[in-house]
Amino acid sequence: MQIPFGWAREVLLEHWVNPKPNPAKPEPPQGYLALSLFPGNTVGQGNQLYEHGLDWTGKESLAVAGLELELDIFYHIKFMHFNGYVSGLWLWPQHLKEGEYNTLFSAEGFQKSGRKWRKKGQWDTLAALLDEHIKPEVDWRAECQWQKKFIDSGRNYFDVAFGFGVEAYLPYNQLLTQADVEADDFSKAGTLLDRIIDEGFQHLLK
């Protein structure tokens, strides 16, 4: 679903029956529809995102349409080439080294590192930057296939965006209360999803 937010452009819908990816929350939500968006997952979106500050990243719920939806917010690094997706990293706070110096996901870090990286002499610098901020037990090179998709790829540059991932979890029982299943009428359920996006996500950064 396309959205005109400036700092995010798309909402994805996923069905959750397995444990969520957040290792700090081991309890799985059974029977949820996850609405996901990725603020700042291009350099252009990041320019608008970081102008709002990052207080919103501490939110744990989203109140909309009389509902209180559980919210997960995590870090997302997106690698692109010719505006096409190449690879990515999905990180949680516990994956990053602690300390005030860790500015990877900040306005300062974005201005410094959210940009085009040329192969000659720069890729090693980026790898060192990620090593500096990501805990050693996280094998980020394996997760993004660094060797295959970058070093051995023949590419001479790639763009990097340091953004976020946001997931709101809507229980199916709450979604179905908005639908007339017998009449095969799901228009009210669709209206609820629109409200979550328009009234919830659109004002997420405030």
N, C-alpha and C. Protein backbone atom coordinates (compact mmCIF):
# COMPACT_ATOMS: atom_id res chain seq x y z
N MET A 1 0.85 -1.19 0.00
CA MET A 1 0.00 0.00 0.00
C MET A 1 0.89 1.24 0.00
N GLN A 2 0.73 2.08 -1.02
CA GLN A 2 1.54 3.28 -1.13
C GLN A 2 1.02 4.38 -0.20
N ILE A 3 1.94 5.11 0.41
CA ILE A 3 1.58 6.20 1.31
C ILE A 3 2.41 7.43 0.97
N PRO A 4 1.83 8.63 1.06
CA PRO A 4 2.54 9.85 0.66
C PRO A 4 3.11 10.61 1.85
N PHE A 5 3.85 9.93 2.72
CA PHE A 5 4.30 10.60 3.94
C PHE A 5 5.58 11.40 3.75
N GLY A 6 6.33 11.14 2.70
CA GLY A 6 7.62 11.80 2.54
C GLY A 6 8.73 11.03 3.22
N TRP A 7 8.57 10.76 4.51
CA TRP A 7 9.59 10.02 5.27
C TRP A 7 9.35 8.51 5.20
N ALA A 8 8.28 8.07 4.56
CA ALA A 8 8.00 6.66 4.31
C ALA A 8 7.05 6.59 3.11
N ARG A 9 7.15 5.52 2.33
CA ARG A 9 6.39 5.46 1.09
C ARG A 9 5.48 4.24 0.95
N GLU A 10 5.57 3.28 1.87
CA GLU A 10 4.84 2.04 1.66
C GLU A 10 4.50 1.38 2.99
N VAL A 11 3.32 0.78 3.07
CA VAL A 11 2.92 -0.04 4.20
C VAL A 11 2.73 -1.47 3.70
N LEU A 12 3.35 -2.41 4.40
CA LEU A 12 3.24 -3.82 4.05
C LEU A 12 2.33 -4.53 5.04
N LEU A 13 1.57 -5.50 4.58
CA LEU A 13 0.70 -6.29 5.44
C LEU A 13 1.23 -7.72 5.51
N GLU A 14 1.36 -8.24 6.74
CA GLU A 14 1.87 -9.59 6.94
C GLU A 14 1.01 -10.32 7.96
N HIS A 15 0.94 -11.63 7.79
CA HIS A 15 0.22 -12.48 8.74
C HIS A 15 1.22 -13.07 9.73
N TRP A 16 0.93 -12.90 11.04
CA TRP A 16 1.83 -13.40 12.08
C TRP A 16 1.16 -14.52 12.87
N VAL A 17 1.83 -15.68 12.86
CA VAL A 17 1.44 -16.76 13.77
C VAL A 17 2.65 -17.28 14.53
N ASN A 18 3.82 -16.89 14.08
CA ASN A 18 5.07 -17.31 14.74
C ASN A 18 5.57 -16.20 15.64
N PRO A 19 6.58 -16.48 16.47
CA PRO A 19 7.12 -15.43 17.34
C PRO A 19 7.60 -14.23 16.53
N LYS A 20 7.37 -13.07 17.09
CA LYS A 20 7.86 -11.85 16.46
C LYS A 20 9.38 -11.84 16.48
N PRO A 21 10.01 -11.05 15.61
CA PRO A 21 11.47 -11.07 15.52
C PRO A 21 12.19 -10.40 16.67
N ASN A 22 11.49 -9.66 17.53
CA ASN A 22 12.15 -8.96 18.62
C ASN A 22 12.57 -9.95 19.70
N PRO A 23 13.87 -10.20 19.87
CA PRO A 23 14.31 -11.18 20.87
C PRO A 23 14.04 -10.75 22.30
N ALA A 24 13.74 -9.47 22.51
CA ALA A 24 13.44 -8.99 23.86
C ALA A 24 11.99 -9.28 24.25
N LYS A 25 11.17 -9.69 23.28
CA LYS A 25 9.77 -10.01 23.54
C LYS A 25 9.50 -11.43 23.06
N PRO A 26 9.80 -12.43 23.90
CA PRO A 26 9.71 -13.81 23.44
C PRO A 26 8.30 -14.33 23.24
N GLU A 27 7.30 -13.68 23.83
CA GLU A 27 5.94 -14.19 23.71
C GLU A 27 5.39 -13.92 22.31
N PRO A 28 4.97 -14.96 21.60
CA PRO A 28 4.48 -14.76 20.23
C PRO A 28 3.04 -14.26 20.20
N PRO A 29 2.75 -13.32 19.32
CA PRO A 29 1.36 -12.91 19.13
C PRO A 29 0.70 -13.85 18.13
N GLN A 30 -0.28 -14.61 18.53
CA GLN A 30 -0.94 -15.56 17.63
C GLN A 30 -2.12 -14.88 16.93
N GLY A 31 -2.21 -15.04 15.64
CA GLY A 31 -3.35 -14.51 14.91
C GLY A 31 -3.39 -13.00 14.82
N TYR A 32 -2.31 -12.41 14.33
CA TYR A 32 -2.23 -10.96 14.18
C TYR A 32 -2.00 -10.60 12.72
N LEU A 33 -2.50 -9.45 12.33
CA LEU A 33 -2.13 -8.83 11.07
C LEU A 33 -1.11 -7.74 11.41
N ALA A 34 0.08 -7.86 10.86
CA ALA A 34 1.12 -6.87 11.11
C ALA A 34 1.14 -5.85 9.98
N LEU A 35 1.05 -4.58 10.35
CA LEU A 35 1.17 -3.48 9.39
C LEU A 35 2.57 -2.90 9.57
N SER A 36 3.37 -2.97 8.53
CA SER A 36 4.77 -2.58 8.62
C SER A 36 5.08 -1.42 7.69
N LEU A 37 5.90 -0.50 8.17
CA LEU A 37 6.45 0.53 7.32
C LEU A 37 7.90 0.78 7.72
N PHE A 38 8.65 1.40 6.80
CA PHE A 38 10.08 1.56 7.02
C PHE A 38 10.47 3.03 6.82
N PRO A 39 10.34 3.83 7.87
CA PRO A 39 10.70 5.25 7.77
C PRO A 39 12.19 5.43 7.47
N GLY A 40 12.48 6.29 6.53
CA GLY A 40 13.86 6.62 6.24
C GLY A 40 14.62 5.54 5.51
N ASN A 41 13.95 4.69 4.72
CA ASN A 41 14.70 3.62 4.07
C ASN A 41 15.22 3.99 2.69
N THR A 42 15.21 5.29 2.38
CA THR A 42 16.01 5.85 1.29
C THR A 42 16.67 7.11 1.85
N VAL A 43 17.69 7.57 1.17
CA VAL A 43 18.38 8.77 1.64
C VAL A 43 17.43 9.96 1.63
N GLY A 44 16.59 10.06 0.60
CA GLY A 44 15.63 11.16 0.53
C GLY A 44 14.64 11.14 1.67
N GLN A 45 14.14 9.96 2.02
CA GLN A 45 13.22 9.85 3.15
C GLN A 45 13.92 10.20 4.46
N GLY A 46 15.18 9.79 4.57
CA GLY A 46 15.94 10.09 5.79
C GLY A 46 16.09 11.58 6.02
N ASN A 47 16.24 12.34 4.93
CA ASN A 47 16.35 13.79 5.07
C ASN A 47 15.14 14.37 5.79
N GLN A 48 13.95 13.84 5.51
CA GLN A 48 12.73 14.32 6.16
C GLN A 48 12.53 13.69 7.54
N LEU A 49 12.90 12.43 7.66
CA LEU A 49 12.67 11.72 8.92
C LEU A 49 13.42 12.35 10.08
N TYR A 50 14.71 12.59 9.91
CA TYR A 50 15.52 13.05 11.04
C TYR A 50 15.23 14.49 11.43
N GLU A 51 14.52 15.23 10.59
CA GLU A 51 14.10 16.57 10.97
C GLU A 51 13.10 16.54 12.13
N HIS A 52 12.41 15.42 12.31
CA HIS A 52 11.38 15.30 13.35
C HIS A 52 11.96 14.87 14.70
N GLY A 53 13.25 14.58 14.78
CA GLY A 53 13.80 14.03 16.01
C GLY A 53 13.46 12.56 16.14
N LEU A 54 13.88 11.94 17.25
CA LEU A 54 13.71 10.50 17.41
C LEU A 54 12.95 10.12 18.68
N ASP A 55 12.25 11.06 19.29
CA ASP A 55 11.46 10.72 20.48
C ASP A 55 10.43 9.64 20.19
N TRP A 56 9.92 9.63 18.98
CA TRP A 56 8.87 8.68 18.59
C TRP A 56 9.35 7.23 18.64
N THR A 57 10.66 7.00 18.56
CA THR A 57 11.17 5.63 18.52
C THR A 57 10.99 4.91 19.86
N GLY A 58 10.62 5.63 20.90
CA GLY A 58 10.37 4.99 22.19
C GLY A 58 8.93 4.55 22.38
N LYS A 59 8.08 4.78 21.40
CA LYS A 59 6.67 4.40 21.53
C LYS A 59 6.52 2.88 21.52
N GLU A 60 5.59 2.38 22.34
CA GLU A 60 5.33 0.94 22.42
C GLU A 60 3.92 0.58 21.99
N SER A 61 3.10 1.57 21.71
CA SER A 61 1.73 1.29 21.27
C SER A 61 1.26 2.42 20.36
N LEU A 62 0.19 2.12 19.64
CA LEU A 62 -0.39 3.08 18.71
C LEU A 62 -1.89 3.13 18.97
N ALA A 63 -2.39 4.29 19.42
CA ALA A 63 -3.82 4.45 19.71
C ALA A 63 -4.51 5.02 18.48
N VAL A 64 -5.48 4.26 17.96
CA VAL A 64 -6.19 4.71 16.77
C VAL A 64 -7.52 3.97 16.68
N ALA A 65 -8.55 4.67 16.28
CA ALA A 65 -9.88 4.08 16.05
C ALA A 65 -10.40 3.33 17.26
N GLY A 66 -10.10 3.83 18.45
CA GLY A 66 -10.55 3.19 19.68
C GLY A 66 -9.77 1.95 20.06
N LEU A 67 -8.68 1.67 19.37
CA LEU A 67 -7.85 0.50 19.63
C LEU A 67 -6.48 0.93 20.14
N GLU A 68 -5.84 0.04 20.88
CA GLU A 68 -4.47 0.25 21.35
C GLU A 68 -3.63 -0.88 20.77
N LEU A 69 -2.92 -0.59 19.68
CA LEU A 69 -2.17 -1.61 18.97
C LEU A 69 -0.74 -1.69 19.50
N GLU A 70 -0.29 -2.92 19.74
CA GLU A 70 1.10 -3.11 20.15
C GLU A 70 2.01 -2.69 19.01
N LEU A 71 3.13 -2.05 19.37
CA LEU A 71 4.02 -1.47 18.38
C LEU A 71 5.45 -1.94 18.63
N ASP A 72 6.13 -2.33 17.57
CA ASP A 72 7.56 -2.64 17.63
C ASP A 72 8.30 -1.69 16.71
N ILE A 73 9.39 -1.12 17.19
CA ILE A 73 10.22 -0.23 16.38
C ILE A 73 11.66 -0.73 16.45
N PHE A 74 12.26 -0.92 15.30
CA PHE A 74 13.62 -1.45 15.24
C PHE A 74 14.42 -0.67 14.21
N TYR A 75 15.69 -1.02 14.08
CA TYR A 75 16.59 -0.33 13.14
C TYR A 75 16.64 -1.10 11.82
N HIS A 76 16.77 -0.34 10.74
CA HIS A 76 16.85 -0.97 9.42
C HIS A 76 17.89 -0.25 8.57
N ILE A 77 18.87 -0.99 8.09
CA ILE A 77 19.87 -0.46 7.16
C ILE A 77 19.56 -1.03 5.79
N LYS A 78 19.35 -0.16 4.83
CA LYS A 78 19.00 -0.59 3.48
C LYS A 78 20.12 -0.24 2.51
N PHE A 79 20.55 -1.23 1.74
CA PHE A 79 21.58 -1.04 0.71
C PHE A 79 20.90 -1.05 -0.66
N MET A 80 21.22 -0.05 -1.48
CA MET A 80 20.58 0.10 -2.79
C MET A 80 21.61 0.35 -3.88
N HIS A 81 21.22 0.01 -5.11
CA HIS A 81 22.05 0.28 -6.29
C HIS A 81 21.11 0.65 -7.43
N PHE A 82 21.35 1.79 -8.07
CA PHE A 82 20.43 2.29 -9.10
C PHE A 82 18.99 2.33 -8.58
N ASN A 83 18.82 2.75 -7.34
CA ASN A 83 17.52 2.87 -6.68
C ASN A 83 16.81 1.53 -6.47
N GLY A 84 17.52 0.44 -6.70
CA GLY A 84 16.94 -0.88 -6.47
C GLY A 84 17.51 -1.51 -5.21
N TYR A 85 16.68 -2.30 -4.54
CA TYR A 85 17.09 -2.96 -3.30
C TYR A 85 18.17 -4.00 -3.58
N VAL A 86 19.22 -3.98 -2.76
CA VAL A 86 20.29 -4.97 -2.86
C VAL A 86 20.28 -5.89 -1.65
N SER A 87 20.28 -5.30 -0.47
CA SER A 87 20.30 -6.10 0.75
C SER A 87 19.91 -5.20 1.92
N GLY A 88 19.82 -5.79 3.11
CA GLY A 88 19.45 -5.00 4.27
C GLY A 88 19.83 -5.68 5.57
N LEU A 89 19.80 -4.90 6.63
CA LEU A 89 20.04 -5.39 7.98
C LEU A 89 18.89 -4.95 8.88
N TRP A 90 18.41 -5.88 9.70
CA TRP A 90 17.35 -5.59 10.66
C TRP A 90 17.93 -5.77 12.05
N LEU A 91 17.98 -4.68 12.82
CA LEU A 91 18.67 -4.68 14.10
C LEU A 91 17.75 -4.17 15.21
N TRP A 92 17.98 -4.68 16.42
CA TRP A 92 17.26 -4.23 17.61
C TRP A 92 18.25 -3.52 18.53
N PRO A 93 17.78 -2.72 19.48
CA PRO A 93 18.70 -1.98 20.35
C PRO A 93 19.77 -2.86 20.98
N GLN A 94 19.42 -4.09 21.35
CA GLN A 94 20.39 -4.96 22.00
C GLN A 94 21.48 -5.46 21.04
N HIS A 95 21.32 -5.19 19.75
CA HIS A 95 22.34 -5.57 18.78
C HIS A 95 23.43 -4.50 18.64
N LEU A 96 23.17 -3.31 19.15
CA LEU A 96 24.13 -2.21 19.02
C LEU A 96 24.96 -2.07 20.28
N LYS A 97 26.20 -1.68 20.10
CA LYS A 97 27.07 -1.43 21.25
C LYS A 97 26.52 -0.25 22.04
N GLU A 98 26.63 -0.33 23.34
CA GLU A 98 26.08 0.72 24.19
C GLU A 98 27.05 1.88 24.30
N GLY A 99 26.52 3.04 24.66
CA GLY A 99 27.35 4.21 24.86
C GLY A 99 26.85 5.39 24.06
N GLU A 100 27.13 6.56 24.55
CA GLU A 100 26.66 7.78 23.88
C GLU A 100 27.30 7.97 22.52
N TYR A 101 28.45 7.33 22.31
CA TYR A 101 29.14 7.50 21.03
C TYR A 101 28.40 6.81 19.88
N ASN A 102 27.46 5.92 20.22
CA ASN A 102 26.79 5.15 19.17
C ASN A 102 25.74 6.04 18.49
N THR A 103 26.15 6.67 17.42
CA THR A 103 25.29 7.63 16.72
C THR A 103 24.88 7.12 15.34
N LEU A 104 24.95 5.81 15.13
CA LEU A 104 24.67 5.27 13.81
C LEU A 104 23.28 5.66 13.33
N PHE A 105 22.28 5.55 14.21
CA PHE A 105 20.91 5.90 13.86
C PHE A 105 20.55 7.22 14.56
N SER A 106 21.00 8.29 13.98
CA SER A 106 20.77 9.63 14.52
C SER A 106 20.91 10.61 13.37
N ALA A 107 20.50 11.85 13.60
CA ALA A 107 20.67 12.86 12.56
C ALA A 107 22.14 13.02 12.22
N GLU A 108 22.99 12.97 13.24
CA GLU A 108 24.43 13.09 13.02
C GLU A 108 24.95 11.93 12.18
N GLY A 109 24.55 10.71 12.54
CA GLY A 109 24.99 9.55 11.81
C GLY A 109 24.47 9.52 10.38
N PHE A 110 23.23 9.96 10.21
CA PHE A 110 22.65 9.99 8.87
C PHE A 110 23.39 10.98 7.98
N GLN A 111 23.66 12.16 8.49
CA GLN A 111 24.35 13.17 7.69
C GLN A 111 25.74 12.70 7.29
N LYS A 112 26.35 11.92 8.16
CA LYS A 112 27.71 11.45 7.89
C LYS A 112 27.75 10.23 6.99
N SER A 113 26.81 9.31 7.18
CA SER A 113 26.94 7.98 6.56
C SER A 113 25.81 7.59 5.63
N GLY A 114 24.66 8.28 5.67
CA GLY A 114 23.55 7.93 4.80
C GLY A 114 23.74 8.54 3.43
N ARG A 115 24.44 7.84 2.56
CA ARG A 115 24.85 8.43 1.29
C ARG A 115 25.34 7.35 0.34
N LYS A 116 25.90 7.80 -0.77
CA LYS A 116 26.50 6.91 -1.75
C LYS A 116 27.92 6.55 -1.29
N TRP A 117 28.23 5.26 -1.36
CA TRP A 117 29.56 4.77 -1.00
C TRP A 117 30.23 4.19 -2.24
N ARG A 118 31.34 4.82 -2.64
CA ARG A 118 32.10 4.34 -3.79
C ARG A 118 33.00 3.18 -3.36
N LYS A 119 33.21 2.25 -4.26
CA LYS A 119 33.96 1.04 -3.91
C LYS A 119 35.40 1.36 -3.53
N LYS A 120 36.01 2.22 -4.29
CA LYS A 120 37.44 2.45 -4.10
C LYS A 120 37.72 3.12 -2.76
N GLY A 121 38.20 2.37 -1.83
CA GLY A 121 38.63 2.90 -0.55
C GLY A 121 37.53 3.19 0.45
N GLN A 122 36.26 3.15 0.02
CA GLN A 122 35.19 3.56 0.92
C GLN A 122 34.45 2.39 1.56
N TRP A 123 34.39 1.25 0.89
CA TRP A 123 33.63 0.14 1.44
C TRP A 123 34.25 -0.39 2.71
N ASP A 124 35.57 -0.40 2.76
CA ASP A 124 36.25 -0.81 4.00
C ASP A 124 35.92 0.15 5.14
N THR A 125 35.80 1.43 4.81
CA THR A 125 35.45 2.43 5.83
C THR A 125 34.05 2.18 6.37
N LEU A 126 33.11 1.85 5.48
CA LEU A 126 31.75 1.55 5.93
C LEU A 126 31.73 0.29 6.78
N ALA A 127 32.46 -0.74 6.37
CA ALA A 127 32.51 -1.98 7.15
C ALA A 127 33.06 -1.72 8.54
N ALA A 128 34.09 -0.88 8.62
CA ALA A 128 34.67 -0.54 9.92
C ALA A 128 33.66 0.24 10.77
N LEU A 129 32.87 1.09 10.13
CA LEU A 129 31.84 1.85 10.85
C LEU A 129 30.80 0.91 11.46
N LEU A 130 30.36 -0.07 10.68
CA LEU A 130 29.37 -1.02 11.19
C LEU A 130 29.98 -1.88 12.29
N ASP A 131 31.23 -2.28 12.15
CA ASP A 131 31.91 -3.03 13.21
C ASP A 131 32.00 -2.22 14.49
N GLU A 132 32.18 -0.92 14.34
CA GLU A 132 32.32 -0.03 15.50
C GLU A 132 31.03 0.08 16.30
N HIS A 133 29.89 -0.02 15.62
CA HIS A 133 28.61 0.23 16.27
C HIS A 133 27.78 -1.02 16.55
N ILE A 134 28.01 -2.10 15.81
CA ILE A 134 27.23 -3.33 15.97
C ILE A 134 28.03 -4.33 16.79
N LYS A 135 27.37 -4.99 17.72
CA LYS A 135 28.05 -5.94 18.60
C LYS A 135 28.66 -7.08 17.78
N PRO A 136 29.83 -7.58 18.22
CA PRO A 136 30.54 -8.59 17.43
C PRO A 136 29.78 -9.90 17.27
N GLU A 137 28.87 -10.21 18.20
CA GLU A 137 28.11 -11.46 18.07
C GLU A 137 27.08 -11.41 16.95
N VAL A 138 26.83 -10.22 16.42
CA VAL A 138 25.93 -10.08 15.27
C VAL A 138 26.78 -10.14 14.00
N ASP A 139 26.63 -11.18 13.23
CA ASP A 139 27.41 -11.34 11.99
C ASP A 139 26.70 -10.61 10.86
N TRP A 140 26.86 -9.30 10.86
CA TRP A 140 26.14 -8.50 9.88
C TRP A 140 26.60 -8.79 8.46
N ARG A 141 27.86 -9.18 8.29
CA ARG A 141 28.36 -9.51 6.95
C ARG A 141 27.61 -10.70 6.36
N ALA A 142 27.38 -11.70 7.19
CA ALA A 142 26.64 -12.87 6.71
C ALA A 142 25.18 -12.51 6.44
N GLU A 143 24.59 -11.70 7.31
CA GLU A 143 23.17 -11.38 7.18
C GLU A 143 22.86 -10.59 5.91
N CYS A 144 23.76 -9.71 5.51
CA CYS A 144 23.51 -8.93 4.29
C CYS A 144 24.27 -9.47 3.09
N GLN A 145 24.94 -10.62 3.26
CA GLN A 145 25.74 -11.25 2.19
C GLN A 145 26.75 -10.26 1.61
N TRP A 146 27.52 -9.70 2.50
CA TRP A 146 28.48 -8.65 2.16
C TRP A 146 29.44 -9.07 1.05
N GLN A 147 30.00 -10.26 1.18
CA GLN A 147 30.98 -10.72 0.20
C GLN A 147 30.34 -10.90 -1.18
N LYS A 148 29.20 -11.59 -1.22
CA LYS A 148 28.55 -11.91 -2.49
C LYS A 148 27.91 -10.69 -3.14
N LYS A 149 27.16 -9.92 -2.37
CA LYS A 149 26.37 -8.84 -2.96
C LYS A 149 27.12 -7.53 -3.11
N PHE A 150 28.31 -7.47 -2.49
CA PHE A 150 29.06 -6.22 -2.57
C PHE A 150 30.48 -6.46 -3.08
N ILE A 151 31.30 -7.12 -2.30
CA ILE A 151 32.72 -7.27 -2.65
C ILE A 151 32.89 -7.95 -4.00
N ASP A 152 32.18 -9.06 -4.23
CA ASP A 152 32.34 -9.84 -5.47
C ASP A 152 31.29 -9.52 -6.52
N SER A 153 30.53 -8.46 -6.34
CA SER A 153 29.38 -8.22 -7.21
C SER A 153 29.70 -7.49 -8.50
N GLY A 154 30.83 -6.83 -8.56
CA GLY A 154 31.15 -6.01 -9.72
C GLY A 154 30.56 -4.61 -9.65
N ARG A 155 29.80 -4.33 -8.60
CA ARG A 155 29.25 -2.99 -8.44
C ARG A 155 30.37 -2.02 -8.07
N ASN A 156 30.23 -0.79 -8.53
CA ASN A 156 31.24 0.21 -8.18
C ASN A 156 30.72 1.24 -7.17
N TYR A 157 29.47 1.08 -6.73
CA TYR A 157 28.95 1.94 -5.67
C TYR A 157 27.66 1.32 -5.14
N PHE A 158 27.23 1.80 -4.00
CA PHE A 158 25.88 1.53 -3.51
C PHE A 158 25.49 2.65 -2.57
N ASP A 159 24.18 2.84 -2.41
CA ASP A 159 23.65 3.83 -1.48
C ASP A 159 23.23 3.13 -0.20
N VAL A 160 23.41 3.82 0.92
CA VAL A 160 23.04 3.26 2.22
C VAL A 160 22.09 4.23 2.92
N ALA A 161 20.99 3.69 3.43
CA ALA A 161 20.05 4.48 4.23
C ALA A 161 19.96 3.87 5.62
N PHE A 162 20.12 4.70 6.63
CA PHE A 162 20.00 4.27 8.02
C PHE A 162 18.63 4.71 8.53
N GLY A 163 17.68 3.79 8.48
CA GLY A 163 16.32 4.11 8.87
C GLY A 163 15.79 3.19 9.95
N PHE A 164 14.49 3.01 9.94
CA PHE A 164 13.82 2.24 11.00
C PHE A 164 12.75 1.35 10.39
N GLY A 165 12.36 0.35 11.15
CA GLY A 165 11.20 -0.46 10.82
C GLY A 165 10.16 -0.29 11.91
N VAL A 166 8.90 -0.23 11.53
CA VAL A 166 7.80 -0.08 12.49
C VAL A 166 6.75 -1.14 12.17
N GLU A 167 6.32 -1.87 13.19
CA GLU A 167 5.26 -2.85 13.00
C GLU A 167 4.18 -2.66 14.05
N ALA A 168 2.95 -2.52 13.59
CA ALA A 168 1.78 -2.44 14.48
C ALA A 168 0.99 -3.73 14.31
N TYR A 169 0.57 -4.32 15.44
CA TYR A 169 -0.07 -5.64 15.41
C TYR A 169 -1.57 -5.52 15.70
N LEU A 170 -2.36 -5.88 14.71
CA LEU A 170 -3.81 -5.82 14.82
C LEU A 170 -4.36 -7.24 14.97
N PRO A 171 -4.92 -7.59 16.13
CA PRO A 171 -5.49 -8.93 16.31
C PRO A 171 -6.62 -9.18 15.31
N TYR A 172 -6.64 -10.37 14.77
CA TYR A 172 -7.67 -10.68 13.78
C TYR A 172 -9.08 -10.56 14.34
N ASN A 173 -9.23 -10.88 15.63
CA ASN A 173 -10.59 -10.80 16.19
C ASN A 173 -11.09 -9.35 16.19
N GLN A 174 -10.18 -8.39 16.36
CA GLN A 174 -10.59 -6.99 16.29
C GLN A 174 -10.86 -6.56 14.86
N LEU A 175 -10.08 -7.11 13.93
CA LEU A 175 -10.30 -6.78 12.52
C LEU A 175 -11.63 -7.35 12.03
N LEU A 176 -11.94 -8.58 12.45
CA LEU A 176 -13.15 -9.24 11.94
C LEU A 176 -14.43 -8.65 12.53
N THR A 177 -14.32 -7.97 13.67
CA THR A 177 -15.52 -7.32 14.20
C THR A 177 -15.99 -6.20 13.28
N GLN A 178 -15.08 -5.76 12.40
CA GLN A 178 -15.43 -4.71 11.45
C GLN A 178 -15.95 -5.28 10.13
N ALA A 179 -16.02 -6.62 10.03
CA ALA A 179 -16.41 -7.24 8.77
C ALA A 179 -17.71 -8.02 8.93
N ASP A 180 -18.50 -8.04 7.88
CA ASP A 180 -19.70 -8.87 7.82
C ASP A 180 -19.34 -10.09 6.97
N VAL A 181 -18.85 -11.15 7.66
CA VAL A 181 -18.34 -12.31 6.94
C VAL A 181 -19.44 -13.00 6.15
N GLU A 182 -20.62 -13.13 6.75
CA GLU A 182 -21.71 -13.84 6.07
C GLU A 182 -22.11 -13.13 4.78
N ALA A 183 -22.05 -11.83 4.79
CA ALA A 183 -22.40 -11.06 3.59
C ALA A 183 -21.20 -10.85 2.68
N ASP A 184 -20.06 -11.41 3.09
CA ASP A 184 -18.82 -11.25 2.32
C ASP A 184 -18.50 -9.77 2.11
N ASP A 185 -18.74 -8.99 3.16
CA ASP A 185 -18.51 -7.54 3.10
C ASP A 185 -17.40 -7.18 4.08
N PHE A 186 -16.24 -6.86 3.52
CA PHE A 186 -15.08 -6.52 4.34
C PHE A 186 -14.73 -5.04 4.21
N SER A 187 -15.69 -4.24 3.75
CA SER A 187 -15.40 -2.83 3.51
C SER A 187 -15.06 -2.10 4.81
N LYS A 188 -15.75 -2.43 5.91
CA LYS A 188 -15.45 -1.76 7.17
C LYS A 188 -14.08 -2.17 7.71
N ALA A 189 -13.69 -3.42 7.44
CA ALA A 189 -12.35 -3.85 7.84
C ALA A 189 -11.30 -3.07 7.06
N GLY A 190 -11.57 -2.84 5.78
CA GLY A 190 -10.66 -2.03 4.97
C GLY A 190 -10.60 -0.60 5.47
N THR A 191 -11.74 -0.08 5.91
CA THR A 191 -11.78 1.27 6.47
C THR A 191 -10.93 1.36 7.73
N LEU A 192 -10.96 0.31 8.55
CA LEU A 192 -10.15 0.29 9.76
C LEU A 192 -8.67 0.34 9.42
N LEU A 193 -8.25 -0.42 8.43
CA LEU A 193 -6.85 -0.40 8.02
C LEU A 193 -6.46 0.98 7.51
N ASP A 194 -7.35 1.61 6.76
CA ASP A 194 -7.07 2.96 6.27
C ASP A 194 -6.91 3.93 7.44
N ARG A 195 -7.73 3.78 8.47
CA ARG A 195 -7.64 4.68 9.62
C ARG A 195 -6.33 4.46 10.39
N ILE A 196 -5.91 3.21 10.50
CA ILE A 196 -4.64 2.94 11.18
C ILE A 196 -3.50 3.65 10.46
N ILE A 197 -3.54 3.63 9.14
CA ILE A 197 -2.50 4.28 8.35
C ILE A 197 -2.64 5.80 8.40
N ASP A 198 -3.84 6.30 8.13
CA ASP A 198 -4.04 7.75 8.01
C ASP A 198 -4.03 8.48 9.35
N GLU A 199 -4.61 7.86 10.38
CA GLU A 199 -4.71 8.52 11.68
C GLU A 199 -3.61 8.07 12.65
N GLY A 200 -3.05 6.90 12.41
CA GLY A 200 -2.02 6.38 13.30
C GLY A 200 -0.62 6.60 12.77
N PHE A 201 -0.29 5.92 11.69
CA PHE A 201 1.06 6.00 11.13
C PHE A 201 1.42 7.41 10.68
N GLN A 202 0.48 8.11 10.08
CA GLN A 202 0.79 9.44 9.54
C GLN A 202 1.24 10.40 10.64
N HIS A 203 0.75 10.18 11.87
CA HIS A 203 1.11 11.06 12.98
C HIS A 203 2.10 10.38 13.94
N LEU A 204 2.74 9.33 13.47
CA LEU A 204 3.65 8.56 14.32
C LEU A 204 4.79 9.40 14.86
N LEU A 205 5.31 10.32 14.08
CA LEU A 205 6.50 11.07 14.47
C LEU A 205 6.20 12.21 15.43
N LYS A 206 4.93 12.45 15.73
CA LYS A 206 4.56 13.59 16.59
C LYS A 206 4.54 13.19 18.05
